[in-house]
Amino acid sequence: MPRTPHTSPQTLRLFEALLKEPATWRYGYDLSRETGLASGTLYPILMRLSEQRLLEAGWEPSDQPGRPPRHTYRLTGDGIALAKVRLADAAKSRKADTAAIVRPA
Protein backbone atom coordinates (compact mmCIF):
# COMPACT_ATOMS: atom_id res chain seq x y z
CA MET A 1 0.00 0.00 0.00
CA PRO A 2 1.50 3.37 -1.00
CA ARG A 3 2.33 5.97 1.63
CA THR A 4 -0.04 8.91 2.06
CA PRO A 5 1.56 12.01 0.49
CA HIS A 6 3.13 14.54 2.84
CA THR A 7 3.53 12.16 5.78
CA SER A 8 7.26 11.46 5.80
CA PRO A 9 8.90 12.29 9.13
CA GLN A 10 10.96 14.95 7.35
CA THR A 11 7.90 16.66 5.84
CA LEU A 12 6.11 16.54 9.18
CA ARG A 13 9.10 18.23 10.86
CA LEU A 14 9.00 20.94 8.21
CA PHE A 15 5.24 21.39 8.68
CA GLU A 16 5.75 21.76 12.44
CA ALA A 17 8.37 24.45 11.92
CA LEU A 18 6.33 26.37 9.35
CA LEU A 19 3.15 26.23 11.45
CA LYS A 20 4.84 27.95 14.41
CA GLU A 21 4.51 31.25 12.52
CA PRO A 22 2.55 30.49 9.34
CA ALA A 23 2.37 34.10 8.12
CA THR A 24 6.12 34.64 8.48
CA TRP A 25 8.44 34.21 5.49
CA ARG A 26 11.25 31.79 6.42
CA TYR A 27 14.71 31.22 4.96
CA GLY A 28 15.69 27.70 3.93
CA TYR A 29 18.82 27.89 6.06
CA ASP A 30 16.80 28.76 9.16
CA LEU A 31 14.36 25.92 8.44
CA SER A 32 17.29 23.54 8.04
CA ARG A 33 18.70 24.54 11.42
CA GLU A 34 15.30 24.36 13.15
CA THR A 35 14.30 20.98 11.70
CA GLY A 36 17.72 19.37 11.61
CA LEU A 37 17.15 18.49 7.94
CA ALA A 38 20.12 18.55 5.58
CA SER A 39 19.81 20.73 2.49
CA GLY A 40 19.65 17.65 0.25
CA THR A 41 16.50 16.58 2.12
CA LEU A 42 14.94 19.97 2.87
CA TYR A 43 15.12 21.70 -0.51
CA PRO A 44 13.47 18.89 -2.51
CA ILE A 45 10.58 18.96 -0.01
CA LEU A 46 10.34 22.75 -0.29
CA MET A 47 10.34 22.55 -4.10
CA ARG A 48 7.71 19.80 -4.15
CA LEU A 49 5.41 21.68 -1.77
CA SER A 50 5.88 24.84 -3.81
CA GLU A 51 5.05 23.06 -7.08
CA GLN A 52 1.88 21.72 -5.42
CA ARG A 53 0.94 25.26 -4.34
CA LEU A 54 1.09 24.31 -0.67
CA LEU A 55 4.03 26.63 -0.11
CA GLU A 56 4.74 30.14 -1.36
CA ALA A 57 8.30 30.89 -2.39
CA GLY A 58 9.75 34.33 -2.89
CA TRP A 59 13.01 36.21 -3.13
CA GLU A 60 14.25 38.72 -0.58
CA PRO A 61 17.06 41.06 -1.58
CA SER A 62 20.12 40.98 0.63
CA ASP A 63 20.69 43.83 3.04
CA GLN A 64 24.43 43.52 2.37
CA PRO A 65 25.88 44.83 -0.91
CA GLY A 66 27.24 42.14 -3.20
CA ARG A 67 25.30 39.32 -1.55
CA PRO A 68 22.70 37.48 -3.62
CA PRO A 69 18.99 37.57 -2.79
CA ARG A 70 17.69 34.81 -0.54
CA HIS A 71 14.78 32.45 -1.15
CA THR A 72 12.01 32.65 1.44
CA TYR A 73 9.08 30.32 2.09
CA ARG A 74 5.73 30.18 3.87
CA LEU A 75 2.69 27.92 3.75
CA THR A 76 -0.33 28.86 1.64
CA GLY A 77 -3.83 28.58 3.11
CA ASP A 78 -4.15 25.10 1.60
CA GLY A 79 -0.71 24.24 2.93
CA ILE A 80 -1.66 25.31 6.45
CA ALA A 81 -4.82 23.21 6.32
CA LEU A 82 -2.97 20.14 5.00
CA ALA A 83 -0.12 20.53 7.50
CA LYS A 84 -2.58 20.62 10.40
CA VAL A 85 -4.37 17.50 9.13
CA ARG A 86 -1.14 15.56 8.55
CA LEU A 87 0.27 16.48 11.96
CA ALA A 88 -3.02 15.56 13.70
CA ASP A 89 -3.09 12.23 11.85
CA ALA A 90 0.52 11.54 12.85
CA ALA A 91 -0.27 12.33 16.50
CA LYS A 92 -3.27 9.98 16.44
CA SER A 93 -1.14 7.27 14.87
CA ARG A 94 1.56 7.66 17.54
CA LYS A 95 -1.08 7.55 20.26
CA ALA A 96 -2.62 4.38 18.78
CA ASP A 97 0.83 2.78 18.49
CA THR A 98 1.58 3.61 22.12
CA ALA A 99 -1.77 2.23 23.28
CA ALA A 100 -1.12 -1.01 21.37
CA ILE A 101 2.06 -1.70 23.31
CA VAL A 102 1.31 -4.27 25.97
CA ARG A 103 3.20 -3.50 29.13
CA PRO A 104 4.30 -6.45 31.28
CA ALA A 105 2.66 -6.64 34.69
Foldseek 3Di string as FASTA:
>chain_A
DDDDPQQDPQSLLLLVVQLVPQVDWAFQVVSCVSSVPDPVPRVVSQVVCVVVQQKDKDWAQDPDPPDGTTIIMHGDPVNNVVSVVSNVVVVVVVVVVVVPDDDDD
